[in-house]
């Protein structure tokens, strides 16, 4: 919509209990971008909170494959993907 599309994530502890959530908005039309934004923002927040052990889950197989270097992401997302690798 005109205000943009949303993305978000959930932080859980090792018992599966919700400890934090986040949401964001972007005017980008690409679903890949929204899924990558959620991963990126989640890793940024985890880093800021000093969380060192992370397990990431996403419903985007393409994003997970790109993060694991099993698929080449579109060129316009390469810089953001490099930051994701650094944070992970």
PDB file of N, CA and C in Angstrom:
ATOM      1  N   UNK A   1       0.838  -1.187   0.000  1.00  0.00           N
ATOM      2  CA  UNK A   1       0.000   0.000   0.000  1.00  0.00           C
ATOM      3  C   UNK A   1       0.878   1.243   0.000  1.00  0.00           C
ATOM      4  N   UNK A   2       0.281   2.375   0.007  1.00  0.00           N
ATOM      5  CA  UNK A   2       1.039   3.626  -0.095  1.00  0.00           C
ATOM      6  C   UNK A   2       1.998   3.835   1.084  1.00  0.00           C
ATOM      7  N   UNK A   3       1.669   3.297   2.249  1.00  0.00           N
ATOM      8  CA  UNK A   3       2.519   3.455   3.423  1.00  0.00           C
ATOM      9  C   UNK A   3       3.643   2.430   3.462  1.00  0.00           C
ATOM     10  N   UNK A   4       3.599   1.456   2.579  1.00  0.00           N
ATOM     11  CA  UNK A   4       4.628   0.422   2.555  1.00  0.00           C
ATOM     12  C   UNK A   4       4.093  -0.905   3.049  1.00  0.00           C
ATOM     13  N   UNK A   5       4.931  -1.906   2.969  1.00  0.00           N
ATOM     14  CA  UNK A   5       4.573  -3.252   3.409  1.00  0.00           C
ATOM     15  C   UNK A   5       5.374  -3.594   4.649  1.00  0.00           C
ATOM     16  N   UNK A   6       4.816  -4.454   5.478  1.00  0.00           N
ATOM     17  CA  UNK A   6       5.440  -4.747   6.758  1.00  0.00           C
ATOM     18  C   UNK A   6       6.208  -6.053   6.787  1.00  0.00           C
ATOM     19  N   UNK A   7       7.092  -6.136   7.755  1.00  0.00           N
ATOM     20  CA  UNK A   7       7.830  -7.355   8.057  1.00  0.00           C
ATOM     21  C   UNK A   7       8.043  -7.384   9.557  1.00  0.00           C
ATOM     22  N   UNK A   8       8.428  -8.512  10.092  1.00  0.00           N
ATOM     23  CA  UNK A   8       8.660  -8.588  11.521  1.00  0.00           C
ATOM     24  C   UNK A   8       9.340  -9.877  11.909  1.00  0.00           C
ATOM     25  N   UNK A   9       9.573 -10.016  13.196  1.00  0.00           N
ATOM     26  CA  UNK A   9      10.235 -11.203  13.707  1.00  0.00           C
ATOM     27  C   UNK A   9       9.967 -11.396  15.182  1.00  0.00           C
ATOM     28  N   UNK A  10      10.295 -12.578  15.642  1.00  0.00           N
ATOM     29  CA  UNK A  10      10.083 -12.970  17.034  1.00  0.00           C
ATOM     30  C   UNK A  10      11.393 -13.526  17.585  1.00  0.00           C
ATOM     31  N   UNK A  11      11.759 -13.097  18.781  1.00  0.00           N
ATOM     32  CA  UNK A  11      12.898 -13.675  19.496  1.00  0.00           C
ATOM     33  C   UNK A  11      12.342 -14.636  20.537  1.00  0.00           C
ATOM     34  N   UNK A  12      12.920 -15.825  20.576  1.00  0.00           N
ATOM     35  CA  UNK A  12      12.534 -16.823  21.578  1.00  0.00           C
ATOM     36  C   UNK A  12      13.780 -17.282  22.335  1.00  0.00           C
ATOM     37  N   UNK A  13      13.577 -17.674  23.568  1.00  0.00           N
ATOM     38  CA  UNK A  13      14.704 -18.225  24.324  1.00  0.00           C
ATOM     39  C   UNK A  13      14.846 -19.713  24.005  1.00  0.00           C
ATOM     40  N   UNK A  14      15.768 -20.391  24.665  1.00  0.00           N
ATOM     41  CA  UNK A  14      16.040 -21.799  24.365  1.00  0.00           C
ATOM     42  C   UNK A  14      14.880 -22.720  24.729  1.00  0.00           C
ATOM     43  N   UNK A  15      13.909 -22.219  25.483  1.00  0.00           N
ATOM     44  CA  UNK A  15      12.721 -23.003  25.832  1.00  0.00           C
ATOM     45  C   UNK A  15      11.564 -22.743  24.868  1.00  0.00           C
ATOM     46  N   UNK A  16      11.768 -21.812  23.940  1.00  0.00           N
ATOM     47  CA  UNK A  16      10.723 -21.482  22.977  1.00  0.00           C
ATOM     48  C   UNK A  16       9.800 -20.365  23.428  1.00  0.00           C
ATOM     49  N   UNK A  17      10.075 -19.782  24.586  1.00  0.00           N
ATOM     50  CA  UNK A  17       9.254 -18.680  25.093  1.00  0.00           C
ATOM     51  C   UNK A  17       9.579 -17.392  24.343  1.00  0.00           C
ATOM     52  N   UNK A  18       8.557 -16.620  24.004  1.00  0.00           N
ATOM     53  CA  UNK A  18       8.758 -15.334  23.337  1.00  0.00           C
ATOM     54  C   UNK A  18       9.385 -14.358  24.320  1.00  0.00           C
ATOM     55  N   UNK A  19      10.493 -13.736  23.908  1.00  0.00           N
ATOM     56  CA  UNK A  19      11.145 -12.749  24.770  1.00  0.00           C
ATOM     57  C   UNK A  19      11.113 -11.347  24.170  1.00  0.00           C
ATOM     58  N   UNK A  20      10.896 -11.269  22.858  1.00  0.00           N
ATOM     59  CA  UNK A  20      10.858  -9.966  22.204  1.00  0.00           C
ATOM     60  C   UNK A  20      10.295 -10.122  20.793  1.00  0.00           C
ATOM     61  N   UNK A  21       9.738  -9.047  20.273  1.00  0.00           N
ATOM     62  CA  UNK A  21       9.253  -9.025  18.891  1.00  0.00           C
ATOM     63  C   UNK A  21       9.657  -7.702  18.253  1.00  0.00           C
ATOM     64  N   UNK A  22       9.644  -7.659  16.939  1.00  0.00           N
ATOM     65  CA  UNK A  22       9.906  -6.403  16.245  1.00  0.00           C
ATOM     66  C   UNK A  22       9.109  -6.371  14.952  1.00  0.00           C
ATOM     67  N   UNK A  23       8.853  -5.158  14.484  1.00  0.00           N
ATOM     68  CA  UNK A  23       8.186  -4.957  13.205  1.00  0.00           C
ATOM     69  C   UNK A  23       8.889  -3.845  12.462  1.00  0.00           C
ATOM     70  N   UNK A  24       8.710  -3.815  11.161  1.00  0.00           N
ATOM     71  CA  UNK A  24       9.284  -2.764  10.330  1.00  0.00           C
ATOM     72  C   UNK A  24       8.431  -2.572   9.098  1.00  0.00           C
ATOM     73  N   UNK A  25       8.777  -1.574   8.331  1.00  0.00           N
ATOM     74  CA  UNK A  25       8.017  -1.246   7.131  1.00  0.00           C
ATOM     75  C   UNK A  25       8.981  -0.819   6.043  1.00  0.00           C
ATOM     76  N   UNK A  26       8.656  -1.166   4.805  1.00  0.00           N
ATOM     77  CA  UNK A  26       9.483  -0.818   3.660  1.00  0.00           C
ATOM     78  C   UNK A  26       8.573  -0.623   2.462  1.00  0.00           C
ATOM     79  N   UNK A  27       8.902   0.299   1.612  1.00  0.00           N
ATOM     80  CA  UNK A  27       8.095   0.545   0.409  1.00  0.00           C
ATOM     81  C   UNK A  27       8.486  -0.359  -0.752  1.00  0.00           C
ATOM     82  N   UNK A  28       9.509  -1.165  -0.567  1.00  0.00           N
ATOM     83  CA  UNK A  28       9.962  -2.110  -1.594  1.00  0.00           C
ATOM     84  C   UNK A  28       8.848  -3.112  -1.911  1.00  0.00           C
ATOM     85  N   UNK A  29       8.720  -3.470  -3.185  1.00  0.00           N
ATOM     86  CA  UNK A  29       7.691  -4.426  -3.612  1.00  0.00           C
ATOM     87  C   UNK A  29       8.149  -5.880  -3.522  1.00  0.00           C
ATOM     88  N   UNK A  30       9.434  -6.104  -3.441  1.00  0.00           N
ATOM     89  CA  UNK A  30       9.986  -7.453  -3.498  1.00  0.00           C
ATOM     90  C   UNK A  30       9.766  -8.223  -2.193  1.00  0.00           C
ATOM     91  N   UNK A  31       9.195  -9.421  -2.295  1.00  0.00           N
ATOM     92  CA  UNK A  31       9.036 -10.273  -1.113  1.00  0.00           C
ATOM     93  C   UNK A  31      10.400 -10.716  -0.592  1.00  0.00           C
ATOM     94  N   UNK A  32      11.342 -10.953  -1.508  1.00  0.00           N
ATOM     95  CA  UNK A  32      12.705 -11.300  -1.098  1.00  0.00           C
ATOM     96  C   UNK A  32      13.257 -10.199  -0.199  1.00  0.00           C
ATOM     97  N   UNK A  33      13.045  -8.946  -0.593  1.00  0.00           N
ATOM     98  CA  UNK A  33      13.546  -7.820   0.199  1.00  0.00           C
ATOM     99  C   UNK A  33      12.911  -7.795   1.576  1.00  0.00           C
ATOM    100  N   UNK A  34      11.613  -8.021   1.669  1.00  0.00           N
ATOM    101  CA  UNK A  34      10.944  -8.005   2.978  1.00  0.00           C
ATOM    102  C   UNK A  34      11.466  -9.112   3.887  1.00  0.00           C
ATOM    103  N   UNK A  35      11.638 -10.293   3.330  1.00  0.00           N
ATOM    104  CA  UNK A  35      12.155 -11.402   4.130  1.00  0.00           C
ATOM    105  C   UNK A  35      13.598 -11.131   4.562  1.00  0.00           C
ATOM    106  N   UNK A  36      14.403 -10.590   3.656  1.00  0.00           N
ATOM    107  CA  UNK A  36      15.782 -10.249   4.000  1.00  0.00           C
ATOM    108  C   UNK A  36      15.818  -9.134   5.037  1.00  0.00           C
ATOM    109  N   UNK A  37      14.920  -8.167   4.924  1.00  0.00           N
ATOM    110  CA  UNK A  37      14.829  -7.097   5.921  1.00  0.00           C
ATOM    111  C   UNK A  37      14.556  -7.664   7.313  1.00  0.00           C
ATOM    112  N   UNK A  38      13.650  -8.624   7.397  1.00  0.00           N
ATOM    113  CA  UNK A  38      13.314  -9.221   8.695  1.00  0.00           C
ATOM    114  C   UNK A  38      14.532  -9.913   9.297  1.00  0.00           C
ATOM    115  N   UNK A  39      15.236 -10.674   8.485  1.00  0.00           N
ATOM    116  CA  UNK A  39      16.451 -11.354   8.960  1.00  0.00           C
ATOM    117  C   UNK A  39      17.500 -10.329   9.392  1.00  0.00           C
ATOM    118  N   UNK A  40      17.729  -9.344   8.552  1.00  0.00           N
ATOM    119  CA  UNK A  40      18.740  -8.314   8.820  1.00  0.00           C
ATOM    120  C   UNK A  40      18.422  -7.566  10.117  1.00  0.00           C
ATOM    121  N   UNK A  41      17.192  -7.094  10.249  1.00  0.00           N
ATOM    122  CA  UNK A  41      16.789  -6.340  11.442  1.00  0.00           C
ATOM    123  C   UNK A  41      16.897  -7.212  12.687  1.00  0.00           C
ATOM    124  N   UNK A  42      16.480  -8.473  12.584  1.00  0.00           N
ATOM    125  CA  UNK A  42      16.583  -9.380  13.726  1.00  0.00           C
ATOM    126  C   UNK A  42      18.019  -9.580  14.172  1.00  0.00           C
ATOM    127  N   UNK A  43      18.926  -9.751  13.223  1.00  0.00           N
ATOM    128  CA  UNK A  43      20.335  -9.914  13.570  1.00  0.00           C
ATOM    129  C   UNK A  43      20.926  -8.633  14.149  1.00  0.00           C
ATOM    130  N   UNK A  44      20.504  -7.479  13.641  1.00  0.00           N
ATOM    131  CA  UNK A  44      20.967  -6.205  14.198  1.00  0.00           C
ATOM    132  C   UNK A  44      20.522  -6.065  15.652  1.00  0.00           C
ATOM    133  N   UNK A  45      19.268  -6.372  15.922  1.00  0.00           N
ATOM    134  CA  UNK A  45      18.739  -6.268  17.293  1.00  0.00           C
ATOM    135  C   UNK A  45      19.458  -7.258  18.207  1.00  0.00           C
ATOM    136  N   UNK A  46      19.647  -8.482  17.740  1.00  0.00           N
ATOM    137  CA  UNK A  46      20.346  -9.485  18.547  1.00  0.00           C
ATOM    138  C   UNK A  46      21.751  -9.019  18.890  1.00  0.00           C
ATOM    139  N   UNK A  47      22.433  -8.433  17.926  1.00  0.00           N
ATOM    140  CA  UNK A  47      23.779  -7.918  18.157  1.00  0.00           C
ATOM    141  C   UNK A  47      23.761  -6.788  19.181  1.00  0.00           C
ATOM    142  N   UNK A  48      22.808  -5.873  19.045  1.00  0.00           N
ATOM    143  CA  UNK A  48      22.694  -4.749  19.979  1.00  0.00           C
ATOM    144  C   UNK A  48      22.398  -5.225  21.397  1.00  0.00           C
ATOM    145  N   UNK A  49      21.668  -6.343  21.522  1.00  0.00           N
ATOM    146  CA  UNK A  49      21.308  -6.865  22.842  1.00  0.00           C
ATOM    147  C   UNK A  49      22.352  -7.828  23.394  1.00  0.00           C
ATOM    148  N   UNK A  50      23.437  -8.018  22.635  1.00  0.00           N
ATOM    149  CA  UNK A  50      24.517  -8.874  23.109  1.00  0.00           C
ATOM    150  C   UNK A  50      24.227 -10.365  22.993  1.00  0.00           C
ATOM    151  N   UNK A  51      23.257 -10.739  22.183  1.00  0.00           N
ATOM    152  CA  UNK A  51      22.934 -12.150  21.989  1.00  0.00           C
ATOM    153  C   UNK A  51      23.992 -12.752  21.063  1.00  0.00           C
ATOM    154  N   UNK A  52      24.698 -13.751  21.559  1.00  0.00           N
ATOM    155  CA  UNK A  52      25.790 -14.326  20.774  1.00  0.00           C
ATOM    156  C   UNK A  52      25.409 -15.645  20.115  1.00  0.00           C
ATOM    157  N   UNK A  53      24.531 -16.404  20.717  1.00  0.00           N
ATOM    158  CA  UNK A  53      24.079 -17.667  20.110  1.00  0.00           C
ATOM    159  C   UNK A  53      22.749 -17.412  19.421  1.00  0.00           C
ATOM    160  N   UNK A  54      22.716 -17.688  18.134  1.00  0.00           N
ATOM    161  CA  UNK A  54      21.519 -17.396  17.349  1.00  0.00           C
ATOM    162  C   UNK A  54      21.140 -18.595  16.506  1.00  0.00           C
ATOM    163  N   UNK A  55      19.845 -18.828  16.387  1.00  0.00           N
ATOM    164  CA  UNK A  55      19.310 -19.798  15.447  1.00  0.00           C
ATOM    165  C   UNK A  55      18.246 -19.075  14.652  1.00  0.00           C
ATOM    166  N   UNK A  56      18.419 -19.042  13.362  1.00  0.00           N
ATOM    167  CA  UNK A  56      17.549 -18.259  12.496  1.00  0.00           C
ATOM    168  C   UNK A  56      16.572 -19.156  11.759  1.00  0.00           C
ATOM    169  N   UNK A  57      15.324 -18.727  11.711  1.00  0.00           N
ATOM    170  CA  UNK A  57      14.312 -19.427  10.924  1.00  0.00           C
ATOM    171  C   UNK A  57      13.577 -18.388  10.085  1.00  0.00           C
ATOM    172  N   UNK A  58      13.234 -18.773   8.883  1.00  0.00           N
ATOM    173  CA  UNK A  58      12.513 -17.885   7.980  1.00  0.00           C
ATOM    174  C   UNK A  58      11.594 -18.732   7.123  1.00  0.00           C
ATOM    175  N   UNK A  59      10.497 -18.155   6.675  1.00  0.00           N
ATOM    176  CA  UNK A  59       9.624 -18.891   5.767  1.00  0.00           C
ATOM    177  C   UNK A  59       9.993 -18.647   4.314  1.00  0.00           C
ATOM    178  N   UNK A  60      11.133 -17.992   4.086  1.00  0.00           N
ATOM    179  CA  UNK A  60      11.612 -17.752   2.728  1.00  0.00           C
ATOM    180  C   UNK A  60      12.803 -18.650   2.419  1.00  0.00           C
ATOM    181  N   UNK A  61      12.561 -19.699   1.664  1.00  0.00           N
ATOM    182  CA  UNK A  61      13.633 -20.614   1.285  1.00  0.00           C
ATOM    183  C   UNK A  61      14.702 -19.896   0.470  1.00  0.00           C
ATOM    184  N   UNK A  62      14.317 -18.966  -0.386  1.00  0.00           N
ATOM    185  CA  UNK A  62      15.288 -18.222  -1.198  1.00  0.00           C
ATOM    186  C   UNK A  62      16.249 -17.421  -0.330  1.00  0.00           C
ATOM    187  N   UNK A  63      15.732 -16.755   0.690  1.00  0.00           N
ATOM    188  CA  UNK A  63      16.592 -15.966   1.581  1.00  0.00           C
ATOM    189  C   UNK A  63      17.539 -16.892   2.350  1.00  0.00           C
ATOM    190  N   UNK A  64      17.023 -17.988   2.855  1.00  0.00           N
ATOM    191  CA  UNK A  64      17.868 -18.935   3.587  1.00  0.00           C
ATOM    192  C   UNK A  64      18.951 -19.494   2.670  1.00  0.00           C
ATOM    193  N   UNK A  65      18.587 -19.835   1.438  1.00  0.00           N
ATOM    194  CA  UNK A  65      19.588 -20.329   0.483  1.00  0.00           C
ATOM    195  C   UNK A  65      20.628 -19.256   0.177  1.00  0.00           C
ATOM    196  N   UNK A  66      20.201 -18.013   0.050  1.00  0.00           N
ATOM    197  CA  UNK A  66      21.150 -16.919  -0.213  1.00  0.00           C
ATOM    198  C   UNK A  66      22.089 -16.728   0.975  1.00  0.00           C
ATOM    199  N   UNK A  67      21.563 -16.782   2.184  1.00  0.00           N
ATOM    200  CA  UNK A  67      22.397 -16.630   3.380  1.00  0.00           C
ATOM    201  C   UNK A  67      23.416 -17.764   3.469  1.00  0.00           C
ATOM    202  N   UNK A  68      22.988 -18.969   3.117  1.00  0.00           N
ATOM    203  CA  UNK A  68      23.872 -20.134   3.173  1.00  0.00           C
ATOM    204  C   UNK A  68      24.713 -20.313   1.912  1.00  0.00           C
ATOM    205  N   UNK A  69      24.656 -19.318   1.032  1.00  0.00           N
ATOM    206  CA  UNK A  69      25.445 -19.302  -0.206  1.00  0.00           C
ATOM    207  C   UNK A  69      25.147 -20.507  -1.101  1.00  0.00           C
ATOM    208  N   UNK A  70      23.900 -20.935  -1.072  1.00  0.00           N
ATOM    209  CA  UNK A  70      23.444 -22.021  -1.935  1.00  0.00           C
ATOM    210  C   UNK A  70      22.743 -21.469  -3.180  1.00  0.00           C
ATOM    211  N   UNK A  71      22.466 -20.178  -3.156  1.00  0.00           N
ATOM    212  CA  UNK A  71      21.803 -19.492  -4.265  1.00  0.00           C
ATOM    213  C   UNK A  71      22.345 -18.072  -4.312  1.00  0.00           C
ATOM    214  N   UNK A  72      22.552 -17.553  -5.487  1.00  0.00           N
ATOM    215  CA  UNK A  72      23.031 -16.179  -5.629  1.00  0.00           C
ATOM    216  C   UNK A  72      21.831 -15.241  -5.564  1.00  0.00           C
ATOM    217  N   UNK A  73      21.893 -14.315  -4.642  1.00  0.00           N
ATOM    218  CA  UNK A  73      20.816 -13.336  -4.493  1.00  0.00           C
ATOM    219  C   UNK A  73      20.907 -12.296  -5.601  1.00  0.00           C
ATOM    220  N   UNK A  74      19.789 -11.675  -5.947  1.00  0.00           N
ATOM    221  CA  UNK A  74      19.835 -10.583  -6.926  1.00  0.00           C
ATOM    222  C   UNK A  74      20.860  -9.526  -6.508  1.00  0.00           C
ATOM    223  N   UNK A  75      21.509  -8.920  -7.479  1.00  0.00           N
ATOM    224  CA  UNK A  75      22.615  -7.990  -7.220  1.00  0.00           C
ATOM    225  C   UNK A  75      22.240  -6.847  -6.291  1.00  0.00           C
ATOM    226  N   UNK A  76      21.007  -6.352  -6.365  1.00  0.00           N
ATOM    227  CA  UNK A  76      20.630  -5.190  -5.557  1.00  0.00           C
ATOM    228  C   UNK A  76      20.569  -5.504  -4.052  1.00  0.00           C
ATOM    229  N   UNK A  77      20.645  -6.774  -3.680  1.00  0.00           N
ATOM    230  CA  UNK A  77      20.602  -7.147  -2.264  1.00  0.00           C
ATOM    231  C   UNK A  77      21.955  -7.614  -1.738  1.00  0.00           C
ATOM    232  N   UNK A  78      22.992  -7.570  -2.561  1.00  0.00           N
ATOM    233  CA  UNK A  78      24.297  -8.094  -2.166  1.00  0.00           C
ATOM    234  C   UNK A  78      24.905  -7.355  -0.972  1.00  0.00           C
ATOM    235  N   UNK A  79      24.801  -6.039  -0.918  1.00  0.00           N
ATOM    236  CA  UNK A  79      25.369  -5.293   0.215  1.00  0.00           C
ATOM    237  C   UNK A  79      24.659  -5.645   1.514  1.00  0.00           C
ATOM    238  N   UNK A  80      23.354  -5.721   1.462  1.00  0.00           N
ATOM    239  CA  UNK A  80      22.598  -6.079   2.664  1.00  0.00           C
ATOM    240  C   UNK A  80      22.920  -7.514   3.079  1.00  0.00           C
ATOM    241  N   UNK A  81      23.065  -8.387   2.127  1.00  0.00           N
ATOM    242  CA  UNK A  81      23.403  -9.772   2.417  1.00  0.00           C
ATOM    243  C   UNK A  81      24.787  -9.882   3.059  1.00  0.00           C
ATOM    244  N   UNK A  82      25.744  -9.091   2.590  1.00  0.00           N
ATOM    245  CA  UNK A  82      27.081  -9.085   3.212  1.00  0.00           C
ATOM    246  C   UNK A  82      26.987  -8.654   4.683  1.00  0.00           C
ATOM    247  N   UNK A  83      26.132  -7.687   4.959  1.00  0.00           N
ATOM    248  CA  UNK A  83      25.957  -7.250   6.351  1.00  0.00           C
ATOM    249  C   UNK A  83      25.313  -8.367   7.182  1.00  0.00           C
ATOM    250  N   UNK A  84      24.367  -9.083   6.602  1.00  0.00           N
ATOM    251  CA  UNK A  84      23.744 -10.214   7.290  1.00  0.00           C
ATOM    252  C   UNK A  84      24.817 -11.246   7.626  1.00  0.00           C
ATOM    253  N   UNK A  85      25.689 -11.579   6.670  1.00  0.00           N
ATOM    254  CA  UNK A  85      26.762 -12.552   6.935  1.00  0.00           C
ATOM    255  C   UNK A  85      27.660 -12.076   8.069  1.00  0.00           C
ATOM    256  N   UNK A  86      27.979 -10.794   8.080  1.00  0.00           N
ATOM    257  CA  UNK A  86      28.847 -10.256   9.132  1.00  0.00           C
ATOM    258  C   UNK A  86      28.169 -10.338  10.508  1.00  0.00           C
ATOM    259  N   UNK A  87      26.883 -10.062  10.560  1.00  0.00           N
ATOM    260  CA  UNK A  87      26.152 -10.100  11.825  1.00  0.00           C
ATOM    261  C   UNK A  87      25.919 -11.523  12.313  1.00  0.00           C
ATOM    262  N   UNK A  88      25.756 -12.435  11.367  1.00  0.00           N
ATOM    263  CA  UNK A  88      25.492 -13.835  11.739  1.00  0.00           C
ATOM    264  C   UNK A  88      26.744 -14.474  12.309  1.00  0.00           C
TER     265      UNK A  88
END
